[in-house]
Amino acid sequence: MGGIESYIKVVDNSGVKAVKCVKILTVGKKNDTKLGGYFIVAINKGNKKKKFRYKKIILGLILLKKNYKFRPSGYYIKSSESRCILLHDKEQMVGNRFKGPVSIEAKLNNDTKAMQYAKVSL
């Protein structure tokens, strides 16, 4: 769901397919990441030809979460899986594009360049 030791799918084109959460930097409720929050991840599964190898530590940004997110308007959203992108630092993405929608809360919680590339918002 986004806590420590959880596996999260990567949706950018960095060559990494899945990561494991090591430490949460932006804590939400119940010691969980919030949408648009940063966390430190270890690479779990990826392409062997790319520069990011197994167990390398890198920074991640959460775009969607698997559990419910209630909005003040009365609606709630739920994704089929948790999704993230990888960052070099808090401004620069590892890949140059990413697939899929981004939640509005993730767009509002941070002002990185990565959120400018988002085409669809939930």
PDB file of N, CA and C in Angstrom:
ATOM      1  N   MET A   1       0.802  -1.200   0.000  1.00  0.00           N
ATOM      2  CA  MET A   1       0.000   0.000   0.000  1.00  0.00           C
ATOM      3  C   MET A   1       0.848   1.269   0.000  1.00  0.00           C
ATOM      4  N   GLY A   2       2.113   1.137   0.346  1.00  0.00           N
ATOM      5  CA  GLY A   2       2.964   2.313   0.366  1.00  0.00           C
ATOM      6  C   GLY A   2       3.769   2.428   1.637  1.00  0.00           C
ATOM      7  N   GLY A   3       3.731   1.421   2.496  1.00  0.00           N
ATOM      8  CA  GLY A   3       4.503   1.455   3.724  1.00  0.00           C
ATOM      9  C   GLY A   3       5.888   0.857   3.522  1.00  0.00           C
ATOM     10  N   ILE A   4       6.628   0.776   4.606  1.00  0.00           N
ATOM     11  CA  ILE A   4       7.956   0.193   4.554  1.00  0.00           C
ATOM     12  C   ILE A   4       7.837  -1.296   4.224  1.00  0.00           C
ATOM     13  N   GLU A   5       8.793  -1.800   3.448  1.00  0.00           N
ATOM     14  CA  GLU A   5       8.851  -3.192   2.990  1.00  0.00           C
ATOM     15  C   GLU A   5       7.787  -3.545   1.943  1.00  0.00           C
ATOM     16  N   SER A   6       7.112  -2.571   1.369  1.00  0.00           N
ATOM     17  CA  SER A   6       6.116  -2.871   0.341  1.00  0.00           C
ATOM     18  C   SER A   6       6.760  -2.776  -1.040  1.00  0.00           C
ATOM     19  N   TYR A   7       6.233  -3.538  -1.978  1.00  0.00           N
ATOM     20  CA  TYR A   7       6.718  -3.547  -3.348  1.00  0.00           C
ATOM     21  C   TYR A   7       5.844  -2.631  -4.192  1.00  0.00           C
ATOM     22  N   ILE A   8       6.482  -1.793  -5.008  1.00  0.00           N
ATOM     23  CA  ILE A   8       5.777  -0.775  -5.778  1.00  0.00           C
ATOM     24  C   ILE A   8       6.236  -0.863  -7.223  1.00  0.00           C
ATOM     25  N   LYS A   9       5.298  -0.738  -8.155  1.00  0.00           N
ATOM     26  CA  LYS A   9       5.595  -0.793  -9.580  1.00  0.00           C
ATOM     27  C   LYS A   9       6.134   0.558 -10.044  1.00  0.00           C
ATOM     28  N   VAL A  10       7.142   0.525 -10.919  1.00  0.00           N
ATOM     29  CA  VAL A  10       7.739   1.741 -11.472  1.00  0.00           C
ATOM     30  C   VAL A  10       7.174   1.947 -12.872  1.00  0.00           C
ATOM     31  N   VAL A  11       6.711   3.182 -13.167  1.00  0.00           N
ATOM     32  CA  VAL A  11       6.036   3.437 -14.443  1.00  0.00           C
ATOM     33  C   VAL A  11       6.820   4.363 -15.366  1.00  0.00           C
ATOM     34  N   ASP A  12       8.084   4.657 -15.062  1.00  0.00           N
ATOM     35  CA  ASP A  12       8.862   5.453 -16.005  1.00  0.00           C
ATOM     36  C   ASP A  12       9.724   4.538 -16.878  1.00  0.00           C
ATOM     37  N   ASN A  13      10.452   5.113 -17.804  1.00  0.00           N
ATOM     38  CA  ASN A  13      11.221   4.307 -18.751  1.00  0.00           C
ATOM     39  C   ASN A  13      12.694   4.192 -18.343  1.00  0.00           C
ATOM     40  N   SER A  14      12.958   4.047 -17.058  1.00  0.00           N
ATOM     41  CA  SER A  14      14.326   3.916 -16.569  1.00  0.00           C
ATOM     42  C   SER A  14      14.860   2.500 -16.699  1.00  0.00           C
ATOM     43  N   GLY A  15      14.022   1.522 -16.971  1.00  0.00           N
ATOM     44  CA  GLY A  15      14.436   0.139 -17.069  1.00  0.00           C
ATOM     45  C   GLY A  15      14.140  -0.658 -15.813  1.00  0.00           C
ATOM     46  N   VAL A  16      13.750   0.010 -14.742  1.00  0.00           N
ATOM     47  CA  VAL A  16      13.407  -0.649 -13.486  1.00  0.00           C
ATOM     48  C   VAL A  16      11.921  -0.979 -13.514  1.00  0.00           C
ATOM     49  N   LYS A  17      11.567  -2.198 -13.082  1.00  0.00           N
ATOM     50  CA  LYS A  17      10.171  -2.619 -13.118  1.00  0.00           C
ATOM     51  C   LYS A  17       9.492  -2.574 -11.763  1.00  0.00           C
ATOM     52  N   ALA A  18      10.226  -2.894 -10.700  1.00  0.00           N
ATOM     53  CA  ALA A  18       9.641  -2.901  -9.358  1.00  0.00           C
ATOM     54  C   ALA A  18      10.697  -2.493  -8.341  1.00  0.00           C
ATOM     55  N   VAL A  19      10.247  -1.822  -7.271  1.00  0.00           N
ATOM     56  CA  VAL A  19      11.133  -1.395  -6.199  1.00  0.00           C
ATOM     57  C   VAL A  19      10.529  -1.789  -4.857  1.00  0.00           C
ATOM     58  N   LYS A  20      11.370  -1.774  -3.828  1.00  0.00           N
ATOM     59  CA  LYS A  20      10.939  -2.078  -2.474  1.00  0.00           C
ATOM     60  C   LYS A  20      11.191  -0.853  -1.611  1.00  0.00           C
ATOM     61  N   CYS A  21      10.193  -0.408  -0.861  1.00  0.00           N
ATOM     62  CA  CYS A  21      10.305   0.783  -0.028  1.00  0.00           C
ATOM     63  C   CYS A  21      11.200   0.497   1.172  1.00  0.00           C
ATOM     64  N   VAL A  22      12.193   1.366   1.390  1.00  0.00           N
ATOM     65  CA  VAL A  22      13.127   1.213   2.498  1.00  0.00           C
ATOM     66  C   VAL A  22      12.823   2.216   3.607  1.00  0.00           C
ATOM     67  N   LYS A  23      12.591   3.476   3.232  1.00  0.00           N
ATOM     68  CA  LYS A  23      12.326   4.519   4.220  1.00  0.00           C
ATOM     69  C   LYS A  23      11.380   5.547   3.630  1.00  0.00           C
ATOM     70  N   ILE A  24      10.440   6.025   4.439  1.00  0.00           N
ATOM     71  CA  ILE A  24       9.476   7.025   4.002  1.00  0.00           C
ATOM     72  C   ILE A  24       9.966   8.394   4.438  1.00  0.00           C
ATOM     73  N   LEU A  25      10.069   9.328   3.487  1.00  0.00           N
ATOM     74  CA  LEU A  25      10.513  10.681   3.806  1.00  0.00           C
ATOM     75  C   LEU A  25       9.350  11.633   4.039  1.00  0.00           C
ATOM     76  N   THR A  26       8.241  11.452   3.347  1.00  0.00           N
ATOM     77  CA  THR A  26       7.047  12.269   3.522  1.00  0.00           C
ATOM     78  C   THR A  26       5.960  11.382   4.092  1.00  0.00           C
ATOM     79  N   VAL A  27       5.741  11.466   5.397  1.00  0.00           N
ATOM     80  CA  VAL A  27       4.833  10.558   6.086  1.00  0.00           C
ATOM     81  C   VAL A  27       3.417  11.129   6.076  1.00  0.00           C
ATOM     82  N   GLY A  28       2.459  10.262   5.739  1.00  0.00           N
ATOM     83  CA  GLY A  28       1.047  10.610   5.810  1.00  0.00           C
ATOM     84  C   GLY A  28       0.450  10.007   7.067  1.00  0.00           C
ATOM     85  N   LYS A  29      -0.809   9.624   6.998  1.00  0.00           N
ATOM     86  CA  LYS A  29      -1.472   8.995   8.136  1.00  0.00           C
ATOM     87  C   LYS A  29      -1.025   7.542   8.271  1.00  0.00           C
ATOM     88  N   LYS A  30      -1.005   7.044   9.490  1.00  0.00           N
ATOM     89  CA  LYS A  30      -0.710   5.644   9.809  1.00  0.00           C
ATOM     90  C   LYS A  30       0.658   5.186   9.298  1.00  0.00           C
ATOM     91  N   ASN A  31       1.665   6.085   9.363  1.00  0.00           N
ATOM     92  CA  ASN A  31       3.030   5.751   8.960  1.00  0.00           C
ATOM     93  C   ASN A  31       3.080   5.212   7.531  1.00  0.00           C
ATOM     94  N   ASP A  32       2.373   5.849   6.640  1.00  0.00           N
ATOM     95  CA  ASP A  32       2.245   5.452   5.249  1.00  0.00           C
ATOM     96  C   ASP A  32       2.649   6.638   4.378  1.00  0.00           C
ATOM     97  N   THR A  33       3.043   6.400   3.137  1.00  0.00           N
ATOM     98  CA  THR A  33       3.364   7.504   2.247  1.00  0.00           C
ATOM     99  C   THR A  33       2.092   8.211   1.826  1.00  0.00           C
ATOM    100  N   LYS A  34       2.191   9.500   1.585  1.00  0.00           N
ATOM    101  CA  LYS A  34       1.044  10.203   1.038  1.00  0.00           C
ATOM    102  C   LYS A  34       1.274  10.410  -0.457  1.00  0.00           C
ATOM    103  N   LEU A  35       0.215  10.678  -1.173  1.00  0.00           N
ATOM    104  CA  LEU A  35       0.322  10.845  -2.621  1.00  0.00           C
ATOM    105  C   LEU A  35       1.195  12.063  -2.921  1.00  0.00           C
ATOM    106  N   GLY A  36       2.170  11.881  -3.781  1.00  0.00           N
ATOM    107  CA  GLY A  36       3.111  12.942  -4.090  1.00  0.00           C
ATOM    108  C   GLY A  36       4.259  13.002  -3.102  1.00  0.00           C
ATOM    109  N   GLY A  37       4.379  12.008  -2.243  1.00  0.00           N
ATOM    110  CA  GLY A  37       5.438  11.998  -1.233  1.00  0.00           C
ATOM    111  C   GLY A  37       6.686  11.285  -1.714  1.00  0.00           C
ATOM    112  N   TYR A  38       7.794  11.605  -1.077  1.00  0.00           N
ATOM    113  CA  TYR A  38       9.079  11.009  -1.416  1.00  0.00           C
ATOM    114  C   TYR A  38       9.376   9.835  -0.494  1.00  0.00           C
ATOM    115  N   PHE A  39      10.098   8.850  -1.015  1.00  0.00           N
ATOM    116  CA  PHE A  39      10.545   7.732  -0.202  1.00  0.00           C
ATOM    117  C   PHE A  39      11.797   7.135  -0.834  1.00  0.00           C
ATOM    118  N   ILE A  40      12.595   6.465  -0.016  1.00  0.00           N
ATOM    119  CA  ILE A  40      13.827   5.834  -0.477  1.00  0.00           C
ATOM    120  C   ILE A  40      13.521   4.387  -0.802  1.00  0.00           C
ATOM    121  N   VAL A  41      13.966   3.934  -1.974  1.00  0.00           N
ATOM    122  CA  VAL A  41      13.642   2.591  -2.439  1.00  0.00           C
ATOM    123  C   VAL A  41      14.901   1.827  -2.815  1.00  0.00           C
ATOM    124  N   ALA A  42      14.798   0.511  -2.763  1.00  0.00           N
ATOM    125  CA  ALA A  42      15.838  -0.380  -3.266  1.00  0.00           C
ATOM    126  C   ALA A  42      15.280  -1.079  -4.495  1.00  0.00           C
ATOM    127  N   ILE A  43      16.068  -1.131  -5.547  1.00  0.00           N
ATOM    128  CA  ILE A  43      15.596  -1.727  -6.800  1.00  0.00           C
ATOM    129  C   ILE A  43      15.468  -3.235  -6.620  1.00  0.00           C
ATOM    130  N   ASN A  44      14.303  -3.757  -6.989  1.00  0.00           N
ATOM    131  CA  ASN A  44      14.010  -5.165  -6.800  1.00  0.00           C
ATOM    132  C   ASN A  44      14.048  -5.939  -8.110  1.00  0.00           C
ATOM    133  N   LYS A  45      13.511  -5.365  -9.165  1.00  0.00           N
ATOM    134  CA  LYS A  45      13.445  -6.048 -10.452  1.00  0.00           C
ATOM    135  C   LYS A  45      13.683  -5.020 -11.548  1.00  0.00           C
ATOM    136  N   GLY A  46      14.527  -5.344 -12.513  1.00  0.00           N
ATOM    137  CA  GLY A  46      14.799  -4.389 -13.576  1.00  0.00           C
ATOM    138  C   GLY A  46      15.463  -5.031 -14.772  1.00  0.00           C
ATOM    139  N   ASN A  47      15.732  -4.215 -15.758  1.00  0.00           N
ATOM    140  CA  ASN A  47      16.393  -4.645 -16.979  1.00  0.00           C
ATOM    141  C   ASN A  47      17.899  -4.743 -16.720  1.00  0.00           C
ATOM    142  N   LYS A  48      18.523  -5.836 -17.063  1.00  0.00           N
ATOM    143  CA  LYS A  48      19.942  -6.045 -16.763  1.00  0.00           C
ATOM    144  C   LYS A  48      20.859  -5.208 -17.654  1.00  0.00           C
ATOM    145  N   LYS A  49      20.364  -4.701 -18.758  1.00  0.00           N
ATOM    146  CA  LYS A  49      21.191  -3.914 -19.660  1.00  0.00           C
ATOM    147  C   LYS A  49      21.274  -2.451 -19.248  1.00  0.00           C
ATOM    148  N   LYS A  50      20.408  -2.001 -18.360  1.00  0.00           N
ATOM    149  CA  LYS A  50      20.398  -0.609 -17.927  1.00  0.00           C
ATOM    150  C   LYS A  50      21.386  -0.404 -16.788  1.00  0.00           C
ATOM    151  N   LYS A  51      21.589   0.856 -16.387  1.00  0.00           N
ATOM    152  CA  LYS A  51      22.595   1.164 -15.381  1.00  0.00           C
ATOM    153  C   LYS A  51      22.121   0.922 -13.954  1.00  0.00           C
ATOM    154  N   PHE A  52      20.837   0.746 -13.728  1.00  0.00           N
ATOM    155  CA  PHE A  52      20.331   0.527 -12.380  1.00  0.00           C
ATOM    156  C   PHE A  52      20.235  -0.966 -12.116  1.00  0.00           C
ATOM    157  N   ARG A  53      20.989  -1.433 -11.160  1.00  0.00           N
ATOM    158  CA  ARG A  53      21.080  -2.851 -10.854  1.00  0.00           C
ATOM    159  C   ARG A  53      20.283  -3.188  -9.607  1.00  0.00           C
ATOM    160  N   TYR A  54      20.213  -4.468  -9.329  1.00  0.00           N
ATOM    161  CA  TYR A  54      19.507  -5.011  -8.171  1.00  0.00           C
ATOM    162  C   TYR A  54      20.096  -4.465  -6.872  1.00  0.00           C
ATOM    163  N   LYS A  55      19.246  -4.065  -5.942  1.00  0.00           N
ATOM    164  CA  LYS A  55      19.569  -3.568  -4.603  1.00  0.00           C
ATOM    165  C   LYS A  55      20.190  -2.182  -4.574  1.00  0.00           C
ATOM    166  N   LYS A  56      20.208  -1.437  -5.666  1.00  0.00           N
ATOM    167  CA  LYS A  56      20.711  -0.073  -5.633  1.00  0.00           C
ATOM    168  C   LYS A  56      19.675   0.823  -4.945  1.00  0.00           C
ATOM    169  N   ILE A  57      20.143   1.759  -4.133  1.00  0.00           N
ATOM    170  CA  ILE A  57      19.262   2.652  -3.379  1.00  0.00           C
ATOM    171  C   ILE A  57      19.073   3.942  -4.172  1.00  0.00           C
ATOM    172  N   ILE A  58      17.807   4.407  -4.285  1.00  0.00           N
ATOM    173  CA  ILE A  58      17.487   5.603  -5.067  1.00  0.00           C
ATOM    174  C   ILE A  58      16.226   6.241  -4.493  1.00  0.00           C
ATOM    175  N   LEU A  59      15.933   7.454  -4.895  1.00  0.00           N
ATOM    176  CA  LEU A  59      14.773   8.198  -4.413  1.00  0.00           C
ATOM    177  C   LEU A  59      13.563   7.941  -5.310  1.00  0.00           C
ATOM    178  N   GLY A  60      12.378   7.810  -4.723  1.00  0.00           N
ATOM    179  CA  GLY A  60      11.157   7.572  -5.477  1.00  0.00           C
ATOM    180  C   GLY A  60      10.082   8.592  -5.140  1.00  0.00           C
ATOM    181  N   LEU A  61       9.121   8.745  -6.037  1.00  0.00           N
ATOM    182  CA  LEU A  61       7.992   9.655  -5.857  1.00  0.00           C
ATOM    183  C   LEU A  61       6.718   8.879  -6.136  1.00  0.00           C
ATOM    184  N   ILE A  62       5.792   8.841  -5.173  1.00  0.00           N
ATOM    185  CA  ILE A  62       4.573   8.038  -5.312  1.00  0.00           C
ATOM    186  C   ILE A  62       3.540   8.808  -6.137  1.00  0.00           C
ATOM    187  N   LEU A  63       2.949   8.145  -7.139  1.00  0.00           N
ATOM    188  CA  LEU A  63       1.941   8.761  -8.006  1.00  0.00           C
ATOM    189  C   LEU A  63       0.534   8.275  -7.684  1.00  0.00           C
ATOM    190  N   LEU A  64       0.363   6.973  -7.462  1.00  0.00           N
ATOM    191  CA  LEU A  64      -0.932   6.376  -7.131  1.00  0.00           C
ATOM    192  C   LEU A  64      -0.731   5.323  -6.054  1.00  0.00           C
ATOM    193  N   LYS A  65      -1.751   5.124  -5.215  1.00  0.00           N
ATOM    194  CA  LYS A  65      -1.677   4.113  -4.170  1.00  0.00           C
ATOM    195  C   LYS A  65      -2.810   3.120  -4.316  1.00  0.00           C
ATOM    196  N   LYS A  66      -2.579   1.917  -3.805  1.00  0.00           N
ATOM    197  CA  LYS A  66      -3.557   0.848  -3.940  1.00  0.00           C
ATOM    198  C   LYS A  66      -4.753   1.026  -2.998  1.00  0.00           C
ATOM    199  N   ASN A  67      -4.520   1.607  -1.828  1.00  0.00           N
ATOM    200  CA  ASN A  67      -5.625   1.762  -0.887  1.00  0.00           C
ATOM    201  C   ASN A  67      -6.469   2.992  -1.231  1.00  0.00           C
ATOM    202  N   TYR A  68      -7.610   3.124  -0.572  1.00  0.00           N
ATOM    203  CA  TYR A  68      -8.559   4.184  -0.875  1.00  0.00           C
ATOM    204  C   TYR A  68      -8.032   5.549  -0.460  1.00  0.00           C
ATOM    205  N   LYS A  69      -8.315   6.572  -1.275  1.00  0.00           N
ATOM    206  CA  LYS A  69      -8.015   7.960  -0.943  1.00  0.00           C
ATOM    207  C   LYS A  69      -9.328   8.718  -1.017  1.00  0.00           C
ATOM    208  N   PHE A  70      -9.799   9.177   0.136  1.00  0.00           N
ATOM    209  CA  PHE A  70     -11.054   9.923   0.198  1.00  0.00           C
ATOM    210  C   PHE A  70     -10.777  11.392  -0.057  1.00  0.00           C
ATOM    211  N   ARG A  71     -11.662  12.018  -0.819  1.00  0.00           N
ATOM    212  CA  ARG A  71     -11.544  13.431  -1.137  1.00  0.00           C
ATOM    213  C   ARG A  71     -12.618  14.222  -0.393  1.00  0.00           C
ATOM    214  N   PRO A  72     -12.382  15.513  -0.161  1.00  0.00           N
ATOM    215  CA  PRO A  72     -13.367  16.319   0.577  1.00  0.00           C
ATOM    216  C   PRO A  72     -14.717  16.429  -0.131  1.00  0.00           C
ATOM    217  N   SER A  73     -14.732  16.229  -1.444  1.00  0.00           N
ATOM    218  CA  SER A  73     -15.986  16.335  -2.183  1.00  0.00           C
ATOM    219  C   SER A  73     -16.892  15.122  -1.992  1.00  0.00           C
ATOM    220  N   GLY A  74     -16.385  14.061  -1.351  1.00  0.00           N
ATOM    221  CA  GLY A  74     -17.182  12.872  -1.114  1.00  0.00           C
ATOM    222  C   GLY A  74     -16.794  11.695  -1.980  1.00  0.00           C
ATOM    223  N   TYR A  75     -15.976  11.904  -2.988  1.00  0.00           N
ATOM    224  CA  TYR A  75     -15.511  10.828  -3.850  1.00  0.00           C
ATOM    225  C   TYR A  75     -14.295  10.154  -3.243  1.00  0.00           C
ATOM    226  N   TYR A  76     -13.987   8.969  -3.720  1.00  0.00           N
ATOM    227  CA  TYR A  76     -12.747   8.320  -3.355  1.00  0.00           C
ATOM    228  C   TYR A  76     -12.156   7.678  -4.592  1.00  0.00           C
ATOM    229  N   ILE A  77     -10.831   7.524  -4.572  1.00  0.00           N
ATOM    230  CA  ILE A  77     -10.147   6.880  -5.692  1.00  0.00           C
ATOM    231  C   ILE A  77      -9.363   5.696  -5.157  1.00  0.00           C
ATOM    232  N   LYS A  78      -9.197   4.692  -5.995  1.00  0.00           N
ATOM    233  CA  LYS A  78      -8.408   3.519  -5.654  1.00  0.00           C
ATOM    234  C   LYS A  78      -7.781   3.003  -6.936  1.00  0.00           C
ATOM    235  N   SER A  79      -6.497   2.747  -6.906  1.00  0.00           N
ATOM    236  CA  SER A  79      -5.790   2.207  -8.046  1.00  0.00           C
ATOM    237  C   SER A  79      -5.669   0.697  -7.884  1.00  0.00           C
ATOM    238  N   SER A  80      -5.440   0.002  -8.971  1.00  0.00           N
ATOM    239  CA  SER A  80      -5.262  -1.444  -8.888  1.00  0.00           C
ATOM    240  C   SER A  80      -3.896  -1.820  -8.328  1.00  0.00           C
ATOM    241  N   GLU A  81      -2.941  -0.887  -8.389  1.00  0.00           N
ATOM    242  CA  GLU A  81      -1.608  -1.131  -7.849  1.00  0.00           C
ATOM    243  C   GLU A  81      -0.951   0.204  -7.507  1.00  0.00           C
ATOM    244  N   SER A  82       0.010   0.159  -6.605  1.00  0.00           N
ATOM    245  CA  SER A  82       0.768   1.363  -6.266  1.00  0.00           C
ATOM    246  C   SER A  82       1.783   1.629  -7.366  1.00  0.00           C
ATOM    247  N   ARG A  83       1.949   2.902  -7.732  1.00  0.00           N
ATOM    248  CA  ARG A  83       2.848   3.272  -8.821  1.00  0.00           C
ATOM    249  C   ARG A  83       3.760   4.408  -8.382  1.00  0.00           C
ATOM    250  N   CYS A  84       4.988   4.392  -8.889  1.00  0.00           N
ATOM    251  CA  CYS A  84       5.938   5.448  -8.563  1.00  0.00           C
ATOM    252  C   CYS A  84       6.851   5.720  -9.747  1.00  0.00           C
ATOM    253  N   ILE A  85       7.603   6.823  -9.646  1.00  0.00           N
ATOM    254  CA  ILE A  85       8.672   7.123 -10.591  1.00  0.00           C
ATOM    255  C   ILE A  85       9.955   7.300  -9.786  1.00  0.00           C
ATOM    256  N   LEU A  86      11.090   7.177 -10.444  1.00  0.00           N
ATOM    257  CA  LEU A  86      12.386   7.300  -9.784  1.00  0.00           C
ATOM    258  C   LEU A  86      12.992   8.668 -10.070  1.00  0.00           C
ATOM    259  N   LEU A  87      13.709   9.219  -9.083  1.00  0.00           N
ATOM    260  CA  LEU A  87      14.316  10.544  -9.186  1.00  0.00           C
ATOM    261  C   LEU A  87      15.789  10.480  -8.826  1.00  0.00           C
ATOM    262  N   HIS A  88      16.608  11.319  -9.503  1.00  0.00           N
ATOM    263  CA  HIS A  88      18.013  11.466  -9.120  1.00  0.00           C
ATOM    264  C   HIS A  88      18.105  12.273  -7.834  1.00  0.00           C
ATOM    265  N   ASP A  89      17.495  13.425  -7.826  1.00  0.00           N
ATOM    266  CA  ASP A  89      17.323  14.223  -6.627  1.00  0.00           C
ATOM    267  C   ASP A  89      15.867  14.650  -6.624  1.00  0.00           C
ATOM    268  N   LYS A  90      15.464  15.612  -5.839  1.00  0.00           N
ATOM    269  CA  LYS A  90      14.047  15.946  -5.742  1.00  0.00           C
ATOM    270  C   LYS A  90      13.521  16.697  -6.964  1.00  0.00           C
ATOM    271  N   GLU A  91      14.359  16.987  -7.935  1.00  0.00           N
ATOM    272  CA  GLU A  91      13.919  17.727  -9.110  1.00  0.00           C
ATOM    273  C   GLU A  91      14.005  16.931 -10.412  1.00  0.00           C
ATOM    274  N   GLN A  92      14.998  16.074 -10.566  1.00  0.00           N
ATOM    275  CA  GLN A  92      15.280  15.469 -11.863  1.00  0.00           C
ATOM    276  C   GLN A  92      14.858  14.006 -11.903  1.00  0.00           C
ATOM    277  N   MET A  93      14.066  13.646 -12.934  1.00  0.00           N
ATOM    278  CA  MET A  93      13.629  12.271 -13.123  1.00  0.00           C
ATOM    279  C   MET A  93      14.750  11.416 -13.703  1.00  0.00           C
ATOM    280  N   VAL A  94      14.711  10.112 -13.408  1.00  0.00           N
ATOM    281  CA  VAL A  94      15.672   9.175 -13.982  1.00  0.00           C
ATOM    282  C   VAL A  94      15.306   8.906 -15.437  1.00  0.00           C
ATOM    283  N   GLY A  95      14.049   8.587 -15.695  1.00  0.00           N
ATOM    284  CA  GLY A  95      13.566   8.403 -17.062  1.00  0.00           C
ATOM    285  C   GLY A  95      13.153   9.736 -17.640  1.00  0.00           C
ATOM    286  N   ASN A  96      12.800   9.740 -18.925  1.00  0.00           N
ATOM    287  CA  ASN A  96      12.367  11.000 -19.520  1.00  0.00           C
ATOM    288  C   ASN A  96      10.871  11.040 -19.796  1.00  0.00           C
ATOM    289  N   ARG A  97      10.142   9.977 -19.467  1.00  0.00           N
ATOM    290  CA  ARG A  97       8.678   9.992 -19.570  1.00  0.00           C
ATOM    291  C   ARG A  97       8.117   8.876 -18.695  1.00  0.00           C
ATOM    292  N   PHE A  98       6.822   8.953 -18.407  1.00  0.00           N
ATOM    293  CA  PHE A  98       6.180   7.886 -17.651  1.00  0.00           C
ATOM    294  C   PHE A  98       4.778   7.663 -18.178  1.00  0.00           C
ATOM    295  N   LYS A  99       4.254   6.461 -17.910  1.00  0.00           N
ATOM    296  CA  LYS A  99       2.958   6.049 -18.442  1.00  0.00           C
ATOM    297  C   LYS A  99       1.904   6.107 -17.356  1.00  0.00           C
ATOM    298  N   GLY A 100       0.678   6.326 -17.761  1.00  0.00           N
ATOM    299  CA  GLY A 100      -0.441   6.213 -16.845  1.00  0.00           C
ATOM    300  C   GLY A 100      -0.844   7.524 -16.195  1.00  0.00           C
ATOM    301  N   PRO A 101      -1.954   7.469 -15.476  1.00  0.00           N
ATOM    302  CA  PRO A 101      -2.478   8.675 -14.836  1.00  0.00           C
ATOM    303  C   PRO A 101      -1.733   9.026 -13.546  1.00  0.00           C
ATOM    304  N   VAL A 102      -1.949  10.262 -13.100  1.00  0.00           N
ATOM    305  CA  VAL A 102      -1.380  10.772 -11.854  1.00  0.00           C
ATOM    306  C   VAL A 102      -2.525  11.357 -11.045  1.00  0.00           C
ATOM    307  N   SER A 103      -2.537  11.123  -9.741  1.00  0.00           N
ATOM    308  CA  SER A 103      -3.609  11.676  -8.914  1.00  0.00           C
ATOM    309  C   SER A 103      -3.415  13.189  -8.754  1.00  0.00           C
ATOM    310  N   ILE A 104      -4.505  13.891  -8.553  1.00  0.00           N
ATOM    311  CA  ILE A 104      -4.461  15.341  -8.378  1.00  0.00           C
ATOM    312  C   ILE A 104      -3.693  15.689  -7.113  1.00  0.00           C
ATOM    313  N   GLU A 105      -3.815  14.866  -6.074  1.00  0.00           N
ATOM    314  CA  GLU A 105      -3.099  15.117  -4.825  1.00  0.00           C
ATOM    315  C   GLU A 105      -1.586  15.055  -5.031  1.00  0.00           C
ATOM    316  N   ALA A 106      -1.127  14.155  -5.893  1.00  0.00           N
ATOM    317  CA  ALA A 106       0.302  14.062  -6.178  1.00  0.00           C
ATOM    318  C   ALA A 106       0.787  15.297  -6.923  1.00  0.00           C
ATOM    319  N   LYS A 107      -0.045  15.850  -7.796  1.00  0.00           N
ATOM    320  CA  LYS A 107       0.323  17.065  -8.514  1.00  0.00           C
ATOM    321  C   LYS A 107       0.377  18.267  -7.589  1.00  0.00           C
ATOM    322  N   LEU A 108      -0.536  18.335  -6.625  1.00  0.00           N
ATOM    323  CA  LEU A 108      -0.592  19.485  -5.728  1.00  0.00           C
ATOM    324  C   LEU A 108       0.462  19.423  -4.626  1.00  0.00           C
ATOM    325  N   ASN A 109       0.865  18.230  -4.208  1.00  0.00           N
ATOM    326  CA  ASN A 109       1.799  18.098  -3.092  1.00  0.00           C
ATOM    327  C   ASN A 109       3.244  18.391  -3.456  1.00  0.00           C
ATOM    328  N   ASN A 110       3.601  18.347  -4.716  1.00  0.00           N
ATOM    329  CA  ASN A 110       4.978  18.679  -5.087  1.00  0.00           C
ATOM    330  C   ASN A 110       4.989  19.448  -6.392  1.00  0.00           C
ATOM    331  N   ASP A 111       6.069  20.175  -6.594  1.00  0.00           N
ATOM    332  CA  ASP A 111       6.173  21.043  -7.766  1.00  0.00           C
ATOM    333  C   ASP A 111       7.377  20.657  -8.630  1.00  0.00           C
ATOM    334  N   THR A 112       7.624  19.369  -8.765  1.00  0.00           N
ATOM    335  CA  THR A 112       8.759  18.925  -9.567  1.00  0.00           C
ATOM    336  C   THR A 112       8.437  19.037 -11.055  1.00  0.00           C
ATOM    337  N   LYS A 113       9.472  18.931 -11.857  1.00  0.00           N
ATOM    338  CA  LYS A 113       9.296  18.955 -13.305  1.00  0.00           C
ATOM    339  C   LYS A 113       8.533  17.738 -13.781  1.00  0.00           C
ATOM    340  N   ALA A 114       8.604  16.659 -13.025  1.00  0.00           N
ATOM    341  CA  ALA A 114       7.939  15.419 -13.421  1.00  0.00           C
ATOM    342  C   ALA A 114       6.428  15.606 -13.525  1.00  0.00           C
ATOM    343  N   MET A 115       5.858  16.425 -12.696  1.00  0.00           N
ATOM    344  CA  MET A 115       4.402  16.616 -12.711  1.00  0.00           C
ATOM    345  C   MET A 115       3.962  17.427 -13.928  1.00  0.00           C
ATOM    346  N   GLN A 116       4.875  18.138 -14.579  1.00  0.00           N
ATOM    347  CA  GLN A 116       4.515  18.868 -15.798  1.00  0.00           C
ATOM    348  C   GLN A 116       4.297  17.907 -16.959  1.00  0.00           C
ATOM    349  N   TYR A 117       4.906  16.719 -16.906  1.00  0.00           N
ATOM    350  CA  TYR A 117       4.788  15.742 -17.987  1.00  0.00           C
ATOM    351  C   TYR A 117       3.507  14.908 -17.886  1.00  0.00           C
ATOM    352  N   ALA A 118       2.791  15.005 -16.792  1.00  0.00           N
ATOM    353  CA  ALA A 118       1.597  14.188 -16.592  1.00  0.00           C
ATOM    354  C   ALA A 118       0.491  14.646 -17.538  1.00  0.00           C
ATOM    355  N   LYS A 119      -0.069  13.693 -18.285  1.00  0.00           N
ATOM    356  CA  LYS A 119      -1.110  14.027 -19.252  1.00  0.00           C
ATOM    357  C   LYS A 119      -2.500  13.865 -18.663  1.00  0.00           C
ATOM    358  N   VAL A 120      -2.702  12.822 -17.872  1.00  0.00           N
ATOM    359  CA  VAL A 120      -4.026  12.523 -17.320  1.00  0.00           C
ATOM    360  C   VAL A 120      -3.972  12.632 -15.816  1.00  0.00           C
ATOM    361  N   SER A 121      -4.943  13.333 -15.212  1.00  0.00           N
ATOM    362  CA  SER A 121      -5.030  13.442 -13.765  1.00  0.00           C
ATOM    363  C   SER A 121      -6.325  12.805 -13.296  1.00  0.00           C
ATOM    364  N   LEU A 122      -6.250  12.095 -12.178  1.00  0.00           N
ATOM    365  CA  LEU A 122      -7.437  11.479 -11.581  1.00  0.00           C
ATOM    366  C   LEU A 122      -7.961  12.323 -10.454  1.00  0.00           C
TER     367      LEU A 122
END
